[in-house]
């Protein structure tokens, strides 16, 4: 059984008789307390999709839920459902857009390294790779010699995500994005 301080994003835990997927963790150290940190976790219920906010002490013991990950690829959108195809047995996994809204901005048909998260055989979420390559669809014109400065400009990517890029990057370029920090990493390899 892990402590609350050992839990990471996208982990599945059992709490109060529910299976919850951890979407965000905020760590705080209250002043004047002899003791440890508090971990405020934003989670969502696998069954109902409802959001749950809980705060745990760093020493609280939690149970991992029975969770598996299957390598998959994005297939198509059907209304509010995103459909992913298992890479091995071609099983389709339907996920509601609201349950994967943080990951949607990194998913295209060309995205490799995706995993569908399953709890008791039902799809509940998707893991994206640490970095993805996306195309810039709109940004200000590139500035000649702009690479000598550290100034940035906003760029809208093919999935709708907006990130800051260096001035020498232009519309149509493919760039690498860090999915955890949502930041520009560099130009994509051709």
N, C-alpha and C. Protein backbone atom coordinates (compact mmCIF):
# COMPACT_ATOMS: atom_id res chain seq x y z
N UNK A 1 0.85 -1.19 0.00
CA UNK A 1 0.00 0.00 0.00
C UNK A 1 0.89 1.25 0.00
N UNK A 2 0.70 2.12 -0.99
CA UNK A 2 1.52 3.32 -1.06
C UNK A 2 1.00 4.43 -0.14
N UNK A 3 1.89 5.31 0.23
CA UNK A 3 1.50 6.51 0.97
C UNK A 3 0.97 7.52 -0.04
N UNK A 4 0.24 8.51 0.46
CA UNK A 4 -0.30 9.56 -0.41
C UNK A 4 0.83 10.28 -1.14
N UNK A 5 1.99 10.40 -0.50
CA UNK A 5 3.12 11.10 -1.12
C UNK A 5 3.72 10.32 -2.30
N UNK A 6 3.39 9.02 -2.43
CA UNK A 6 3.92 8.20 -3.52
C UNK A 6 3.01 8.17 -4.74
N UNK A 7 1.81 8.72 -4.63
CA UNK A 7 0.84 8.67 -5.72
C UNK A 7 1.22 9.68 -6.81
N UNK A 8 1.09 9.26 -8.07
CA UNK A 8 1.40 10.12 -9.22
C UNK A 8 0.14 10.35 -10.04
N UNK A 9 0.22 11.32 -10.97
CA UNK A 9 -0.90 11.58 -11.87
C UNK A 9 -1.23 10.34 -12.68
N UNK A 10 -2.49 10.18 -12.99
CA UNK A 10 -3.05 9.06 -13.78
C UNK A 10 -3.01 7.73 -13.04
N UNK A 11 -2.72 7.75 -11.74
CA UNK A 11 -2.80 6.52 -10.95
C UNK A 11 -4.26 6.25 -10.62
N UNK A 12 -4.60 5.00 -10.46
CA UNK A 12 -5.97 4.62 -10.08
C UNK A 12 -5.93 4.14 -8.64
N UNK A 13 -6.76 4.75 -7.79
CA UNK A 13 -6.81 4.34 -6.39
C UNK A 13 -8.24 3.97 -6.01
N UNK A 14 -8.35 3.16 -4.96
CA UNK A 14 -9.66 2.85 -4.38
C UNK A 14 -9.79 3.69 -3.13
N UNK A 15 -10.91 4.45 -3.04
CA UNK A 15 -11.14 5.31 -1.89
C UNK A 15 -12.64 5.42 -1.65
N UNK A 16 -13.08 5.18 -0.43
CA UNK A 16 -14.50 5.22 -0.07
C UNK A 16 -15.34 4.32 -0.98
N UNK A 17 -14.82 3.16 -1.33
CA UNK A 17 -15.57 2.21 -2.14
C UNK A 17 -15.67 2.57 -3.61
N UNK A 18 -14.91 3.57 -4.06
CA UNK A 18 -14.94 3.99 -5.46
C UNK A 18 -13.56 3.83 -6.06
N UNK A 19 -13.53 3.62 -7.37
CA UNK A 19 -12.26 3.62 -8.10
C UNK A 19 -12.11 5.01 -8.71
N UNK A 20 -11.00 5.67 -8.38
CA UNK A 20 -10.77 7.05 -8.81
C UNK A 20 -9.46 7.15 -9.58
N UNK A 21 -9.46 7.95 -10.64
CA UNK A 21 -8.24 8.23 -11.39
C UNK A 21 -7.74 9.61 -10.96
N UNK A 22 -6.48 9.72 -10.56
CA UNK A 22 -5.90 10.98 -10.11
C UNK A 22 -5.54 11.82 -11.33
N UNK A 23 -6.12 13.02 -11.43
CA UNK A 23 -5.87 13.90 -12.57
C UNK A 23 -4.88 15.00 -12.23
N UNK A 24 -4.88 15.48 -10.99
CA UNK A 24 -4.00 16.58 -10.62
C UNK A 24 -3.65 16.46 -9.14
N UNK A 25 -2.43 16.82 -8.79
CA UNK A 25 -1.98 16.77 -7.40
C UNK A 25 -1.32 18.09 -7.05
N UNK A 26 -1.77 18.70 -5.95
CA UNK A 26 -1.13 19.91 -5.44
C UNK A 26 -0.57 19.58 -4.07
N UNK A 27 0.70 19.86 -3.88
CA UNK A 27 1.36 19.60 -2.59
C UNK A 27 1.47 20.91 -1.85
N UNK A 28 1.11 20.91 -0.57
CA UNK A 28 1.27 22.12 0.24
C UNK A 28 1.86 21.74 1.59
N UNK A 29 2.61 22.67 2.15
CA UNK A 29 3.22 22.47 3.47
C UNK A 29 2.67 23.57 4.37
N UNK A 30 1.63 23.27 5.16
CA UNK A 30 1.05 24.29 6.02
C UNK A 30 2.05 24.77 7.07
N UNK A 31 2.06 26.07 7.31
CA UNK A 31 2.96 26.66 8.31
C UNK A 31 2.43 26.36 9.71
N UNK A 32 3.33 26.22 10.64
CA UNK A 32 2.93 26.04 12.03
C UNK A 32 2.50 24.63 12.38
N UNK A 33 2.66 23.69 11.44
CA UNK A 33 2.28 22.31 11.73
C UNK A 33 3.53 21.48 11.88
N UNK A 34 3.59 20.77 12.96
CA UNK A 34 4.69 19.83 13.09
C UNK A 34 4.26 18.59 12.32
N UNK A 35 4.81 18.39 11.22
CA UNK A 35 4.39 17.24 10.43
C UNK A 35 4.69 17.46 8.98
N UNK A 36 4.00 16.71 8.18
CA UNK A 36 4.34 16.69 6.77
C UNK A 36 3.44 17.51 5.90
N UNK A 37 3.53 17.20 4.65
CA UNK A 37 2.82 17.90 3.61
C UNK A 37 1.39 17.40 3.48
N UNK A 38 0.58 18.22 2.84
CA UNK A 38 -0.77 17.82 2.46
C UNK A 38 -0.81 17.67 0.95
N UNK A 39 -1.52 16.66 0.47
CA UNK A 39 -1.66 16.42 -0.95
C UNK A 39 -3.13 16.55 -1.32
N UNK A 40 -3.44 17.61 -2.07
CA UNK A 40 -4.80 17.82 -2.54
C UNK A 40 -4.89 17.19 -3.93
N UNK A 41 -5.75 16.20 -4.05
CA UNK A 41 -5.86 15.47 -5.31
C UNK A 41 -7.21 15.71 -5.96
N UNK A 42 -7.15 16.07 -7.23
CA UNK A 42 -8.37 16.17 -8.04
C UNK A 42 -8.46 14.86 -8.81
N UNK A 43 -9.57 14.15 -8.59
CA UNK A 43 -9.74 12.84 -9.19
C UNK A 43 -11.10 12.78 -9.87
N UNK A 44 -11.30 11.78 -10.69
CA UNK A 44 -12.65 11.55 -11.19
C UNK A 44 -13.02 10.09 -11.04
N UNK A 45 -14.29 9.90 -10.76
CA UNK A 45 -14.85 8.57 -10.52
C UNK A 45 -14.93 7.82 -11.84
N UNK A 46 -14.40 6.62 -11.87
CA UNK A 46 -14.37 5.81 -13.08
C UNK A 46 -15.78 5.46 -13.55
N UNK A 47 -16.68 5.20 -12.63
CA UNK A 47 -18.03 4.76 -12.98
C UNK A 47 -18.91 5.93 -13.42
N UNK A 48 -18.98 6.98 -12.59
CA UNK A 48 -19.90 8.09 -12.87
C UNK A 48 -19.26 9.21 -13.68
N UNK A 49 -17.92 9.29 -13.67
CA UNK A 49 -17.24 10.39 -14.35
C UNK A 49 -17.21 11.66 -13.52
N UNK A 50 -17.81 11.63 -12.32
CA UNK A 50 -17.87 12.82 -11.46
C UNK A 50 -16.51 13.17 -10.87
N UNK A 51 -16.29 14.47 -10.67
CA UNK A 51 -15.03 14.93 -10.09
C UNK A 51 -15.07 14.79 -8.57
N UNK A 52 -13.94 14.40 -8.00
CA UNK A 52 -13.81 14.24 -6.56
C UNK A 52 -12.54 14.95 -6.12
N UNK A 53 -12.64 15.84 -5.14
CA UNK A 53 -11.47 16.50 -4.56
C UNK A 53 -11.27 15.99 -3.15
N UNK A 54 -10.08 15.50 -2.87
CA UNK A 54 -9.75 15.00 -1.54
C UNK A 54 -8.37 15.51 -1.14
N UNK A 55 -8.18 15.71 0.17
CA UNK A 55 -6.88 16.09 0.69
C UNK A 55 -6.38 15.00 1.62
N UNK A 56 -5.14 14.57 1.39
CA UNK A 56 -4.54 13.51 2.20
C UNK A 56 -3.27 14.02 2.85
N UNK A 57 -2.97 13.51 4.06
CA UNK A 57 -1.67 13.75 4.67
C UNK A 57 -0.67 12.87 3.95
N UNK A 58 0.61 13.27 3.98
CA UNK A 58 1.60 12.49 3.24
C UNK A 58 1.75 11.07 3.76
N UNK A 59 1.35 10.82 5.01
CA UNK A 59 1.50 9.48 5.57
C UNK A 59 0.23 8.62 5.41
N UNK A 60 -0.87 9.18 4.88
CA UNK A 60 -2.09 8.39 4.67
C UNK A 60 -1.80 7.25 3.70
N UNK A 61 -2.30 6.07 4.05
CA UNK A 61 -2.10 4.89 3.20
C UNK A 61 -3.29 4.75 2.25
N UNK A 62 -3.00 4.55 0.97
CA UNK A 62 -4.04 4.41 -0.05
C UNK A 62 -3.86 3.08 -0.76
N UNK A 63 -4.93 2.61 -1.40
CA UNK A 63 -4.89 1.35 -2.15
C UNK A 63 -4.93 1.65 -3.64
N UNK A 64 -4.02 1.02 -4.40
CA UNK A 64 -4.10 1.11 -5.85
C UNK A 64 -5.27 0.26 -6.33
N UNK A 65 -5.96 0.72 -7.34
CA UNK A 65 -7.03 -0.06 -7.96
C UNK A 65 -6.42 -1.01 -8.99
N UNK A 66 -7.17 -2.05 -9.36
CA UNK A 66 -6.71 -2.98 -10.38
C UNK A 66 -6.77 -2.27 -11.72
N UNK A 67 -5.61 -1.96 -12.25
CA UNK A 67 -5.52 -1.10 -13.42
C UNK A 67 -4.58 -1.73 -14.44
N UNK A 68 -4.92 -1.60 -15.71
CA UNK A 68 -4.00 -2.06 -16.75
C UNK A 68 -3.96 -1.02 -17.86
N UNK A 69 -2.87 -1.03 -18.59
CA UNK A 69 -2.70 -0.11 -19.72
C UNK A 69 -2.51 -0.94 -20.98
N UNK A 70 -3.18 -0.52 -22.06
CA UNK A 70 -3.06 -1.21 -23.34
C UNK A 70 -2.56 -0.22 -24.38
N UNK A 71 -1.53 -0.60 -25.12
CA UNK A 71 -1.03 0.24 -26.20
C UNK A 71 -2.14 0.38 -27.24
N UNK A 72 -2.39 1.61 -27.66
CA UNK A 72 -3.49 1.87 -28.59
C UNK A 72 -3.14 3.03 -29.50
N UNK A 73 -3.95 3.20 -30.52
CA UNK A 73 -3.80 4.36 -31.40
C UNK A 73 -5.15 5.03 -31.57
N UNK A 74 -5.11 6.35 -31.76
CA UNK A 74 -6.35 7.09 -31.97
C UNK A 74 -6.92 6.71 -33.33
N UNK A 75 -8.23 6.45 -33.36
CA UNK A 75 -8.86 6.02 -34.59
C UNK A 75 -9.75 7.11 -35.20
N UNK A 76 -10.79 7.54 -34.45
CA UNK A 76 -11.69 8.57 -34.98
C UNK A 76 -12.54 9.15 -33.85
N UNK A 77 -13.27 10.23 -34.19
CA UNK A 77 -14.17 10.88 -33.23
C UNK A 77 -15.60 10.56 -33.65
N UNK A 78 -16.42 10.13 -32.68
CA UNK A 78 -17.83 9.83 -32.93
C UNK A 78 -18.65 10.68 -31.96
N UNK A 79 -19.06 11.88 -32.40
CA UNK A 79 -19.79 12.79 -31.52
C UNK A 79 -18.88 13.27 -30.40
N UNK A 80 -19.22 12.98 -29.14
CA UNK A 80 -18.39 13.34 -28.00
C UNK A 80 -17.46 12.21 -27.59
N UNK A 81 -17.47 11.12 -28.35
CA UNK A 81 -16.64 9.96 -28.02
C UNK A 81 -15.38 9.94 -28.88
N UNK A 82 -14.25 9.71 -28.24
CA UNK A 82 -12.99 9.46 -28.96
C UNK A 82 -12.80 7.95 -28.98
N UNK A 83 -12.54 7.41 -30.15
CA UNK A 83 -12.41 5.96 -30.30
C UNK A 83 -10.94 5.62 -30.55
N UNK A 84 -10.41 4.73 -29.70
CA UNK A 84 -9.04 4.27 -29.81
C UNK A 84 -9.05 2.79 -30.15
N UNK A 85 -8.04 2.34 -30.89
CA UNK A 85 -7.96 0.95 -31.33
C UNK A 85 -6.75 0.30 -30.66
N UNK A 86 -6.98 -0.85 -30.01
CA UNK A 86 -5.91 -1.61 -29.38
C UNK A 86 -4.89 -2.03 -30.44
N UNK A 87 -3.60 -1.83 -30.17
CA UNK A 87 -2.56 -2.16 -31.16
C UNK A 87 -2.39 -3.66 -31.39
N UNK A 88 -2.81 -4.50 -30.43
CA UNK A 88 -2.60 -5.94 -30.59
C UNK A 88 -3.83 -6.66 -31.12
N UNK A 89 -4.97 -6.49 -30.45
CA UNK A 89 -6.14 -7.27 -30.86
C UNK A 89 -7.24 -6.41 -31.51
N UNK A 90 -6.95 -5.14 -31.77
CA UNK A 90 -7.85 -4.23 -32.48
C UNK A 90 -9.19 -4.00 -31.78
N UNK A 91 -9.22 -4.17 -30.46
CA UNK A 91 -10.43 -3.87 -29.69
C UNK A 91 -10.64 -2.36 -29.69
N UNK A 92 -11.85 -1.90 -30.02
CA UNK A 92 -12.10 -0.45 -29.94
C UNK A 92 -12.41 -0.03 -28.50
N UNK A 93 -11.85 1.10 -28.08
CA UNK A 93 -12.12 1.67 -26.76
C UNK A 93 -12.72 3.05 -26.96
N UNK A 94 -13.95 3.25 -26.45
CA UNK A 94 -14.61 4.54 -26.55
C UNK A 94 -14.43 5.31 -25.25
N UNK A 95 -13.96 6.56 -25.36
CA UNK A 95 -13.79 7.42 -24.20
C UNK A 95 -14.49 8.75 -24.46
N UNK A 96 -15.27 9.19 -23.47
CA UNK A 96 -15.95 10.47 -23.60
C UNK A 96 -14.93 11.60 -23.56
N UNK A 97 -15.13 12.61 -24.39
CA UNK A 97 -14.19 13.73 -24.48
C UNK A 97 -13.97 14.39 -23.12
N UNK A 98 -15.01 14.49 -22.29
CA UNK A 98 -14.88 15.17 -21.00
C UNK A 98 -13.95 14.41 -20.05
N UNK A 99 -13.84 13.09 -20.19
CA UNK A 99 -12.98 12.32 -19.29
C UNK A 99 -11.51 12.39 -19.69
N UNK A 100 -11.23 12.83 -20.93
CA UNK A 100 -9.84 12.93 -21.38
C UNK A 100 -9.53 14.34 -21.90
N UNK A 101 -10.25 15.35 -21.39
CA UNK A 101 -10.10 16.71 -21.93
C UNK A 101 -8.68 17.25 -21.81
N UNK A 102 -7.91 16.87 -20.79
CA UNK A 102 -6.54 17.35 -20.65
C UNK A 102 -5.61 16.73 -21.69
N UNK A 103 -5.91 15.54 -22.17
CA UNK A 103 -5.05 14.84 -23.11
C UNK A 103 -5.42 15.09 -24.57
N UNK A 104 -6.67 15.51 -24.83
CA UNK A 104 -7.17 15.66 -26.21
C UNK A 104 -6.27 16.58 -27.05
N UNK A 105 -5.71 17.63 -26.43
CA UNK A 105 -4.90 18.59 -27.19
C UNK A 105 -3.56 18.01 -27.67
N UNK A 106 -3.24 16.78 -27.27
CA UNK A 106 -2.00 16.14 -27.71
C UNK A 106 -2.26 14.97 -28.65
N UNK A 107 -3.52 14.68 -28.97
CA UNK A 107 -3.86 13.48 -29.72
C UNK A 107 -4.22 13.81 -31.16
N UNK A 108 -3.48 13.18 -32.09
CA UNK A 108 -3.82 13.23 -33.50
C UNK A 108 -3.74 11.79 -34.02
N UNK A 109 -4.12 11.58 -35.28
CA UNK A 109 -4.03 10.23 -35.84
C UNK A 109 -2.59 9.76 -35.94
N UNK A 110 -1.63 10.68 -35.94
CA UNK A 110 -0.22 10.32 -36.07
C UNK A 110 0.47 10.14 -34.71
N UNK A 111 -0.23 10.42 -33.60
CA UNK A 111 0.39 10.32 -32.28
C UNK A 111 0.71 8.87 -31.96
N UNK A 112 1.99 8.62 -31.65
CA UNK A 112 2.43 7.27 -31.29
C UNK A 112 2.71 7.22 -29.80
N UNK A 113 2.62 6.02 -29.22
CA UNK A 113 2.94 5.86 -27.81
C UNK A 113 1.76 6.08 -26.87
N UNK A 114 0.53 6.07 -27.41
CA UNK A 114 -0.65 6.23 -26.57
C UNK A 114 -0.97 4.92 -25.84
N UNK A 115 -1.53 5.04 -24.65
CA UNK A 115 -2.02 3.88 -23.91
C UNK A 115 -3.40 4.19 -23.38
N UNK A 116 -4.30 3.23 -23.50
CA UNK A 116 -5.63 3.36 -22.91
C UNK A 116 -5.56 2.73 -21.52
N UNK A 117 -6.08 3.43 -20.52
CA UNK A 117 -6.09 2.94 -19.14
C UNK A 117 -7.39 2.18 -18.92
N UNK A 118 -7.28 0.93 -18.46
CA UNK A 118 -8.45 0.09 -18.22
C UNK A 118 -8.55 -0.25 -16.74
N UNK A 119 -9.76 -0.14 -16.19
CA UNK A 119 -10.04 -0.61 -14.84
C UNK A 119 -11.14 -1.65 -14.97
N UNK A 120 -10.86 -2.87 -14.53
CA UNK A 120 -11.79 -3.99 -14.67
C UNK A 120 -12.26 -4.16 -16.11
N UNK A 121 -11.35 -3.94 -17.08
CA UNK A 121 -11.66 -4.14 -18.49
C UNK A 121 -12.38 -2.99 -19.17
N UNK A 122 -12.73 -1.93 -18.42
CA UNK A 122 -13.42 -0.79 -19.02
C UNK A 122 -12.45 0.38 -19.20
N UNK A 123 -12.49 1.04 -20.38
CA UNK A 123 -11.59 2.17 -20.59
C UNK A 123 -12.01 3.37 -19.74
N UNK A 124 -11.03 3.98 -19.06
CA UNK A 124 -11.33 5.11 -18.18
C UNK A 124 -10.48 6.34 -18.48
N UNK A 125 -9.43 6.17 -19.26
CA UNK A 125 -8.55 7.30 -19.54
C UNK A 125 -7.52 6.92 -20.57
N UNK A 126 -6.68 7.90 -20.90
CA UNK A 126 -5.62 7.68 -21.88
C UNK A 126 -4.34 8.33 -21.38
N UNK A 127 -3.22 7.62 -21.57
CA UNK A 127 -1.90 8.16 -21.25
C UNK A 127 -1.26 8.62 -22.56
N UNK A 128 -0.75 9.85 -22.57
CA UNK A 128 -0.03 10.35 -23.74
C UNK A 128 1.46 10.23 -23.47
N UNK A 129 2.28 10.15 -24.53
CA UNK A 129 3.73 10.08 -24.31
C UNK A 129 4.27 11.37 -23.71
N UNK A 130 5.52 11.35 -23.24
CA UNK A 130 6.12 12.52 -22.59
C UNK A 130 6.25 13.69 -23.56
N UNK A 131 6.41 13.40 -24.85
CA UNK A 131 6.47 14.48 -25.84
C UNK A 131 5.74 14.03 -27.11
N UNK A 132 5.15 14.99 -27.79
CA UNK A 132 4.45 14.72 -29.05
C UNK A 132 4.89 15.75 -30.09
N UNK A 133 4.73 15.38 -31.37
CA UNK A 133 5.02 16.30 -32.46
C UNK A 133 3.71 16.81 -33.03
N UNK A 134 3.58 18.14 -33.11
CA UNK A 134 2.38 18.76 -33.66
C UNK A 134 2.77 19.84 -34.66
N UNK A 135 1.84 20.16 -35.57
CA UNK A 135 2.10 21.17 -36.58
C UNK A 135 1.50 22.50 -36.16
N UNK A 136 2.24 23.58 -36.45
CA UNK A 136 1.74 24.93 -36.17
C UNK A 136 0.82 25.34 -37.31
N UNK A 137 -0.42 25.73 -36.97
CA UNK A 137 -1.36 26.17 -38.00
C UNK A 137 -1.48 27.68 -38.06
N UNK A 138 -1.08 28.37 -36.98
CA UNK A 138 -1.16 29.83 -37.00
C UNK A 138 -0.18 30.43 -35.99
N UNK A 139 0.64 31.37 -36.48
CA UNK A 139 1.54 32.14 -35.62
C UNK A 139 1.97 33.37 -36.40
N UNK A 140 2.54 34.34 -35.72
CA UNK A 140 3.05 35.53 -36.40
C UNK A 140 4.18 35.12 -37.33
N UNK A 141 4.44 35.93 -38.36
CA UNK A 141 5.55 35.60 -39.27
C UNK A 141 6.87 35.49 -38.51
N UNK A 142 7.76 34.63 -39.03
CA UNK A 142 9.06 34.48 -38.36
C UNK A 142 9.90 35.73 -38.58
N UNK A 143 10.74 36.02 -37.61
CA UNK A 143 11.59 37.20 -37.66
C UNK A 143 13.00 36.74 -37.97
N UNK A 144 13.59 37.29 -39.03
CA UNK A 144 14.95 36.91 -39.41
C UNK A 144 15.90 37.28 -38.27
N UNK A 145 16.73 36.35 -37.89
CA UNK A 145 17.65 36.60 -36.78
C UNK A 145 16.98 36.47 -35.42
N UNK A 146 15.73 36.00 -35.41
CA UNK A 146 14.99 35.87 -34.15
C UNK A 146 15.55 34.83 -33.21
N UNK A 147 16.38 33.93 -33.74
CA UNK A 147 16.92 32.87 -32.88
C UNK A 147 17.98 33.40 -31.91
N UNK A 148 18.47 34.62 -32.15
CA UNK A 148 19.50 35.18 -31.28
C UNK A 148 18.91 35.73 -29.99
N UNK A 149 17.59 35.89 -29.94
CA UNK A 149 16.95 36.41 -28.74
C UNK A 149 16.12 35.33 -28.07
N UNK A 150 15.75 35.57 -26.85
CA UNK A 150 14.96 34.59 -26.12
C UNK A 150 13.48 34.95 -26.13
N UNK A 151 13.09 35.89 -27.00
CA UNK A 151 11.68 36.29 -27.04
C UNK A 151 10.84 35.21 -27.68
N UNK A 152 9.58 35.13 -27.24
CA UNK A 152 8.68 34.12 -27.78
C UNK A 152 7.41 34.77 -28.31
N UNK A 153 6.64 33.98 -29.02
CA UNK A 153 5.34 34.41 -29.55
C UNK A 153 4.38 33.24 -29.44
N UNK A 154 3.06 33.50 -29.37
CA UNK A 154 2.11 32.40 -29.29
C UNK A 154 1.94 31.71 -30.65
N UNK A 155 1.74 30.39 -30.59
CA UNK A 155 1.49 29.60 -31.80
C UNK A 155 0.32 28.66 -31.52
N UNK A 156 -0.62 28.61 -32.46
CA UNK A 156 -1.76 27.69 -32.35
C UNK A 156 -1.40 26.43 -33.13
N UNK A 157 -1.56 25.28 -32.45
CA UNK A 157 -1.20 24.00 -33.06
C UNK A 157 -2.41 23.32 -33.69
N UNK A 158 -2.18 22.26 -34.45
CA UNK A 158 -3.23 21.58 -35.19
C UNK A 158 -4.34 21.03 -34.30
N UNK A 159 -4.08 20.81 -33.02
CA UNK A 159 -5.10 20.28 -32.11
C UNK A 159 -5.84 21.39 -31.36
N UNK A 160 -5.44 22.65 -31.56
CA UNK A 160 -6.08 23.76 -30.86
C UNK A 160 -5.29 24.26 -29.67
N UNK A 161 -4.24 23.55 -29.28
CA UNK A 161 -3.39 23.96 -28.17
C UNK A 161 -2.57 25.18 -28.57
N UNK A 162 -2.43 26.15 -27.66
CA UNK A 162 -1.60 27.33 -27.90
C UNK A 162 -0.39 27.26 -26.98
N UNK A 163 0.80 27.39 -27.56
CA UNK A 163 2.04 27.38 -26.78
C UNK A 163 2.92 28.55 -27.23
N UNK A 164 3.88 28.90 -26.38
CA UNK A 164 4.85 29.94 -26.73
C UNK A 164 6.01 29.28 -27.47
N UNK A 165 6.40 29.89 -28.62
CA UNK A 165 7.51 29.37 -29.42
C UNK A 165 8.50 30.49 -29.69
N UNK A 166 9.77 30.17 -29.99
CA UNK A 166 10.74 31.20 -30.34
C UNK A 166 10.32 31.94 -31.61
N UNK A 167 10.84 33.16 -31.78
CA UNK A 167 10.43 34.00 -32.91
C UNK A 167 10.79 33.42 -34.28
N UNK A 168 11.82 32.54 -34.37
CA UNK A 168 12.23 32.03 -35.67
C UNK A 168 11.36 30.88 -36.18
N UNK A 169 10.41 30.41 -35.39
CA UNK A 169 9.50 29.35 -35.79
C UNK A 169 8.34 29.96 -36.59
N UNK A 170 7.89 29.26 -37.64
CA UNK A 170 6.82 29.83 -38.47
C UNK A 170 5.69 28.83 -38.71
N UNK A 171 4.59 29.32 -39.27
CA UNK A 171 3.43 28.50 -39.58
C UNK A 171 3.85 27.35 -40.50
N UNK A 172 3.34 26.15 -40.22
CA UNK A 172 3.66 24.98 -41.02
C UNK A 172 4.78 24.14 -40.44
N UNK A 173 5.56 24.69 -39.50
CA UNK A 173 6.63 23.93 -38.86
C UNK A 173 6.04 22.86 -37.95
N UNK A 174 6.73 21.72 -37.86
CA UNK A 174 6.37 20.68 -36.88
C UNK A 174 7.30 20.84 -35.69
N UNK A 175 6.70 20.87 -34.50
CA UNK A 175 7.49 21.08 -33.29
C UNK A 175 7.20 19.99 -32.26
N UNK A 176 8.13 19.80 -31.32
CA UNK A 176 7.94 18.87 -30.21
C UNK A 176 7.40 19.64 -29.02
N UNK A 177 6.41 19.03 -28.35
CA UNK A 177 5.79 19.63 -27.17
C UNK A 177 5.95 18.69 -25.99
N UNK A 178 6.36 19.23 -24.84
CA UNK A 178 6.40 18.47 -23.59
C UNK A 178 4.96 18.39 -23.09
N UNK A 179 4.39 17.19 -22.98
CA UNK A 179 2.98 17.04 -22.63
C UNK A 179 2.71 17.34 -21.16
N UNK A 180 3.70 17.16 -20.30
CA UNK A 180 3.50 17.43 -18.86
C UNK A 180 3.44 18.94 -18.60
N UNK A 181 4.36 19.69 -19.21
CA UNK A 181 4.45 21.13 -18.96
C UNK A 181 3.75 21.96 -20.03
N UNK A 182 3.33 21.32 -21.13
CA UNK A 182 2.70 22.02 -22.25
C UNK A 182 3.60 23.11 -22.80
N UNK A 183 4.87 22.76 -23.00
CA UNK A 183 5.86 23.73 -23.47
C UNK A 183 6.59 23.23 -24.71
N UNK A 184 7.06 24.21 -25.50
CA UNK A 184 7.87 23.97 -26.70
C UNK A 184 9.19 23.34 -26.30
N UNK A 185 9.59 22.26 -27.01
CA UNK A 185 10.88 21.61 -26.75
C UNK A 185 11.88 21.83 -27.87
N UNK A 186 11.39 22.00 -29.08
CA UNK A 186 12.28 22.15 -30.23
C UNK A 186 11.55 21.75 -31.50
N UNK A 187 12.24 21.93 -32.62
CA UNK A 187 11.66 21.49 -33.89
C UNK A 187 11.63 19.98 -33.95
N UNK A 188 10.63 19.46 -34.63
CA UNK A 188 10.52 18.01 -34.80
C UNK A 188 11.50 17.57 -35.87
N UNK A 189 12.00 16.34 -35.75
CA UNK A 189 12.87 15.78 -36.77
C UNK A 189 12.04 15.56 -38.03
N UNK A 190 12.64 15.84 -39.15
CA UNK A 190 11.91 15.72 -40.43
C UNK A 190 11.54 14.29 -40.71
